[in-house]
Amino acid sequence: AFDRGYLPVGFCDSGTSPLIKRLVGLPGDKIQVSDSGVEINGHPLINSKPLREDSFGRALVPSPSRTLREGEVWLMSDWESRSFDSRY
């Protein structure tokens, strides 16, 4: 994410700004990622269709469908379909 320029310059120790995303999945939740969008426990999320490339034409690989394990969460923007989040 840093190398591709997805993280804005900011005041964090890494030199980037924090990313703020909505928490939409917790351990045990079933995540289904398809060309039409993301479903969590069978419920479709709005603006969740994964992109195949970023704004520079570089390939994006969607996350695989799976059940979240202990210690994992799923973060997504529900207002920006081009958001850098758990889809990738």
N, C-alpha and C. Protein backbone atom coordinates (compact mmCIF):
# COMPACT_ATOMS: atom_id res chain seq x y z
N ALA A 1 0.83 -1.19 0.00
CA ALA A 1 0.00 0.00 0.00
C ALA A 1 0.87 1.25 0.00
N PHE A 2 1.93 1.25 0.82
CA PHE A 2 2.81 2.42 0.87
C PHE A 2 3.54 2.59 -0.46
N ASP A 3 4.11 1.49 -0.98
CA ASP A 3 4.87 1.55 -2.23
C ASP A 3 4.02 2.00 -3.41
N ARG A 4 2.73 1.66 -3.39
CA ARG A 4 1.84 2.04 -4.48
C ARG A 4 1.25 3.44 -4.32
N GLY A 5 1.51 4.08 -3.18
CA GLY A 5 1.02 5.44 -2.98
C GLY A 5 -0.41 5.52 -2.50
N TYR A 6 -0.94 4.43 -1.94
CA TYR A 6 -2.32 4.43 -1.44
C TYR A 6 -2.45 5.12 -0.09
N LEU A 7 -1.34 5.27 0.61
CA LEU A 7 -1.37 5.88 1.94
C LEU A 7 -0.88 7.32 1.85
N PRO A 8 -1.69 8.28 2.25
CA PRO A 8 -1.27 9.68 2.16
C PRO A 8 -0.17 10.01 3.17
N VAL A 9 0.66 10.96 2.84
CA VAL A 9 1.72 11.42 3.74
C VAL A 9 1.07 12.04 4.97
N GLY A 10 1.64 11.74 6.14
CA GLY A 10 1.06 12.26 7.36
C GLY A 10 1.99 12.18 8.54
N PHE A 11 1.43 12.25 9.73
CA PHE A 11 2.19 12.38 10.97
C PHE A 11 2.46 11.07 11.71
N CYS A 12 2.01 9.92 11.22
CA CYS A 12 2.30 8.64 11.89
C CYS A 12 3.79 8.34 11.80
N ASP A 13 4.29 7.47 12.66
CA ASP A 13 5.71 7.10 12.67
C ASP A 13 6.19 6.63 11.30
N SER A 14 5.29 6.02 10.54
CA SER A 14 5.64 5.53 9.21
C SER A 14 5.73 6.65 8.18
N GLY A 15 5.30 7.87 8.57
CA GLY A 15 5.28 9.00 7.63
C GLY A 15 3.99 9.10 6.86
N THR A 16 3.01 8.26 7.21
CA THR A 16 1.71 8.27 6.52
C THR A 16 0.61 8.77 7.44
N SER A 17 -0.53 9.04 6.83
CA SER A 17 -1.73 9.40 7.60
C SER A 17 -2.50 8.12 7.94
N PRO A 18 -3.26 8.12 9.03
CA PRO A 18 -4.06 6.93 9.35
C PRO A 18 -5.18 6.75 8.33
N LEU A 19 -5.55 5.50 8.11
CA LEU A 19 -6.72 5.18 7.28
C LEU A 19 -7.88 4.89 8.23
N ILE A 20 -9.02 5.46 7.93
CA ILE A 20 -10.20 5.23 8.76
C ILE A 20 -11.22 4.50 7.91
N LYS A 21 -11.57 3.31 8.34
CA LYS A 21 -12.53 2.46 7.63
C LYS A 21 -13.56 1.94 8.62
N ARG A 22 -14.70 1.55 8.10
CA ARG A 22 -15.75 0.97 8.92
C ARG A 22 -15.44 -0.51 9.17
N LEU A 23 -15.62 -0.95 10.40
CA LEU A 23 -15.46 -2.35 10.78
C LEU A 23 -16.76 -3.07 10.40
N VAL A 24 -16.68 -4.01 9.46
CA VAL A 24 -17.89 -4.70 9.00
C VAL A 24 -17.84 -6.21 9.18
N GLY A 25 -16.68 -6.76 9.57
CA GLY A 25 -16.58 -8.19 9.77
C GLY A 25 -15.70 -8.53 10.95
N LEU A 26 -16.13 -9.52 11.73
CA LEU A 26 -15.42 -9.97 12.93
C LEU A 26 -15.10 -11.46 12.82
N PRO A 27 -14.23 -11.98 13.70
CA PRO A 27 -13.92 -13.40 13.65
C PRO A 27 -15.19 -14.26 13.63
N GLY A 28 -15.19 -15.25 12.74
CA GLY A 28 -16.34 -16.14 12.58
C GLY A 28 -17.27 -15.72 11.45
N ASP A 29 -17.18 -14.47 11.00
CA ASP A 29 -18.02 -14.01 9.89
C ASP A 29 -17.54 -14.63 8.58
N LYS A 30 -18.49 -15.01 7.73
CA LYS A 30 -18.18 -15.60 6.43
C LYS A 30 -18.18 -14.49 5.38
N ILE A 31 -17.04 -14.32 4.73
CA ILE A 31 -16.84 -13.28 3.72
C ILE A 31 -16.88 -13.93 2.35
N GLN A 32 -17.74 -13.45 1.48
CA GLN A 32 -17.82 -13.94 0.11
C GLN A 32 -17.48 -12.77 -0.81
N VAL A 33 -16.41 -12.92 -1.59
CA VAL A 33 -15.98 -11.88 -2.53
C VAL A 33 -16.20 -12.41 -3.93
N SER A 34 -16.96 -11.67 -4.73
CA SER A 34 -17.21 -12.05 -6.12
C SER A 34 -17.09 -10.82 -7.01
N ASP A 35 -17.20 -11.01 -8.31
CA ASP A 35 -17.14 -9.88 -9.23
C ASP A 35 -18.25 -8.87 -8.99
N SER A 36 -19.36 -9.30 -8.40
CA SER A 36 -20.48 -8.38 -8.17
C SER A 36 -20.39 -7.65 -6.84
N GLY A 37 -19.54 -8.11 -5.92
CA GLY A 37 -19.40 -7.41 -4.65
C GLY A 37 -19.08 -8.34 -3.50
N VAL A 38 -19.15 -7.79 -2.29
CA VAL A 38 -18.81 -8.51 -1.07
C VAL A 38 -20.09 -8.79 -0.28
N GLU A 39 -20.18 -10.01 0.24
CA GLU A 39 -21.26 -10.38 1.15
C GLU A 39 -20.64 -10.83 2.46
N ILE A 40 -21.25 -10.42 3.56
CA ILE A 40 -20.83 -10.88 4.88
C ILE A 40 -22.00 -11.62 5.49
N ASN A 41 -21.77 -12.90 5.77
CA ASN A 41 -22.82 -13.78 6.30
C ASN A 41 -24.08 -13.73 5.44
N GLY A 42 -23.86 -13.67 4.11
CA GLY A 42 -24.97 -13.67 3.16
C GLY A 42 -25.61 -12.32 2.90
N HIS A 43 -25.15 -11.27 3.56
CA HIS A 43 -25.72 -9.94 3.37
C HIS A 43 -24.80 -9.11 2.47
N PRO A 44 -25.31 -8.68 1.30
CA PRO A 44 -24.48 -7.88 0.39
C PRO A 44 -24.18 -6.49 0.97
N LEU A 45 -22.96 -6.02 0.71
CA LEU A 45 -22.55 -4.69 1.13
C LEU A 45 -22.63 -3.73 -0.07
N ILE A 46 -23.13 -2.52 0.17
CA ILE A 46 -23.23 -1.55 -0.92
C ILE A 46 -21.84 -1.07 -1.32
N ASN A 47 -21.71 -0.65 -2.58
CA ASN A 47 -20.45 -0.12 -3.12
C ASN A 47 -19.27 -1.05 -2.84
N SER A 48 -19.47 -2.35 -2.96
CA SER A 48 -18.41 -3.30 -2.59
C SER A 48 -17.82 -4.08 -3.76
N LYS A 49 -18.22 -3.76 -4.98
CA LYS A 49 -17.69 -4.48 -6.14
C LYS A 49 -16.17 -4.25 -6.22
N PRO A 50 -15.37 -5.32 -6.19
CA PRO A 50 -13.92 -5.13 -6.27
C PRO A 50 -13.49 -4.66 -7.65
N LEU A 51 -12.47 -3.83 -7.67
CA LEU A 51 -11.91 -3.35 -8.92
C LEU A 51 -10.83 -4.30 -9.40
N ARG A 52 -10.58 -4.33 -10.68
CA ARG A 52 -9.53 -5.17 -11.26
C ARG A 52 -8.21 -4.41 -11.39
N GLU A 53 -8.28 -3.07 -11.37
CA GLU A 53 -7.06 -2.27 -11.45
C GLU A 53 -7.26 -0.96 -10.71
N ASP A 54 -6.13 -0.37 -10.29
CA ASP A 54 -6.21 0.91 -9.59
C ASP A 54 -6.24 2.05 -10.61
N SER A 55 -6.22 3.29 -10.13
CA SER A 55 -6.35 4.45 -11.03
C SER A 55 -5.12 4.64 -11.93
N PHE A 56 -4.04 3.90 -11.66
CA PHE A 56 -2.85 3.95 -12.51
C PHE A 56 -2.80 2.77 -13.47
N GLY A 57 -3.85 1.93 -13.49
CA GLY A 57 -3.90 0.78 -14.38
C GLY A 57 -3.17 -0.44 -13.86
N ARG A 58 -2.74 -0.41 -12.61
CA ARG A 58 -2.04 -1.56 -12.01
C ARG A 58 -3.06 -2.57 -11.49
N ALA A 59 -2.75 -3.84 -11.68
CA ALA A 59 -3.67 -4.91 -11.27
C ALA A 59 -3.92 -4.90 -9.77
N LEU A 60 -5.17 -5.15 -9.39
CA LEU A 60 -5.56 -5.36 -8.00
C LEU A 60 -6.08 -6.78 -7.87
N VAL A 61 -5.68 -7.47 -6.82
CA VAL A 61 -6.12 -8.84 -6.60
C VAL A 61 -7.08 -8.85 -5.42
N PRO A 62 -8.36 -9.17 -5.68
CA PRO A 62 -9.33 -9.21 -4.57
C PRO A 62 -8.98 -10.29 -3.55
N SER A 63 -9.31 -10.03 -2.31
CA SER A 63 -9.11 -11.01 -1.25
C SER A 63 -9.94 -12.25 -1.53
N PRO A 64 -9.47 -13.42 -1.11
CA PRO A 64 -10.25 -14.64 -1.31
C PRO A 64 -11.43 -14.70 -0.34
N SER A 65 -12.48 -15.40 -0.74
CA SER A 65 -13.61 -15.64 0.15
C SER A 65 -13.15 -16.56 1.27
N ARG A 66 -13.62 -16.29 2.49
CA ARG A 66 -13.19 -17.10 3.63
C ARG A 66 -13.98 -16.73 4.87
N THR A 67 -13.78 -17.51 5.92
CA THR A 67 -14.31 -17.19 7.24
C THR A 67 -13.19 -16.52 8.02
N LEU A 68 -13.49 -15.37 8.61
CA LEU A 68 -12.47 -14.64 9.37
C LEU A 68 -12.04 -15.44 10.59
N ARG A 69 -10.74 -15.50 10.81
CA ARG A 69 -10.17 -16.22 11.95
C ARG A 69 -10.02 -15.29 13.14
N GLU A 70 -9.75 -15.88 14.29
CA GLU A 70 -9.49 -15.10 15.50
C GLU A 70 -8.38 -14.09 15.22
N GLY A 71 -8.58 -12.86 15.59
CA GLY A 71 -7.59 -11.82 15.37
C GLY A 71 -7.74 -11.10 14.04
N GLU A 72 -8.66 -11.56 13.17
CA GLU A 72 -8.89 -10.90 11.89
C GLU A 72 -10.16 -10.07 11.94
N VAL A 73 -10.15 -8.97 11.19
CA VAL A 73 -11.35 -8.15 11.00
C VAL A 73 -11.43 -7.78 9.52
N TRP A 74 -12.60 -7.34 9.08
CA TRP A 74 -12.80 -6.91 7.70
C TRP A 74 -13.19 -5.43 7.76
N LEU A 75 -12.40 -4.60 7.09
CA LEU A 75 -12.61 -3.15 7.08
C LEU A 75 -12.96 -2.70 5.67
N MET A 76 -14.00 -1.87 5.55
CA MET A 76 -14.42 -1.38 4.24
C MET A 76 -15.07 -0.02 4.34
N SER A 77 -14.97 0.70 3.25
CA SER A 77 -15.73 1.93 3.08
C SER A 77 -17.05 1.56 2.42
N ASP A 78 -18.15 2.11 2.91
CA ASP A 78 -19.44 1.84 2.25
C ASP A 78 -19.90 3.02 1.42
N TRP A 79 -19.08 4.04 1.31
CA TRP A 79 -19.46 5.20 0.50
C TRP A 79 -18.54 5.42 -0.69
N GLU A 80 -17.37 4.80 -0.69
CA GLU A 80 -16.41 4.98 -1.78
C GLU A 80 -16.04 3.64 -2.37
N SER A 81 -16.51 3.38 -3.58
CA SER A 81 -16.25 2.08 -4.21
C SER A 81 -14.78 1.89 -4.58
N ARG A 82 -14.00 2.96 -4.64
CA ARG A 82 -12.57 2.85 -4.98
C ARG A 82 -11.67 2.84 -3.75
N SER A 83 -12.23 2.63 -2.58
CA SER A 83 -11.48 2.66 -1.33
C SER A 83 -10.45 1.53 -1.27
N PHE A 84 -9.28 1.82 -0.69
CA PHE A 84 -8.29 0.79 -0.40
C PHE A 84 -8.67 0.18 0.94
N ASP A 85 -9.16 -1.07 0.93
CA ASP A 85 -9.65 -1.70 2.15
C ASP A 85 -9.47 -3.21 2.08
N SER A 86 -10.21 -3.95 2.86
CA SER A 86 -10.03 -5.40 2.97
C SER A 86 -10.36 -6.17 1.69
N ARG A 87 -10.95 -5.51 0.70
CA ARG A 87 -11.21 -6.21 -0.56
C ARG A 87 -9.93 -6.65 -1.24
N TYR A 88 -8.80 -6.00 -0.91
CA TYR A 88 -7.53 -6.25 -1.62
C TYR A 88 -6.44 -6.73 -0.70
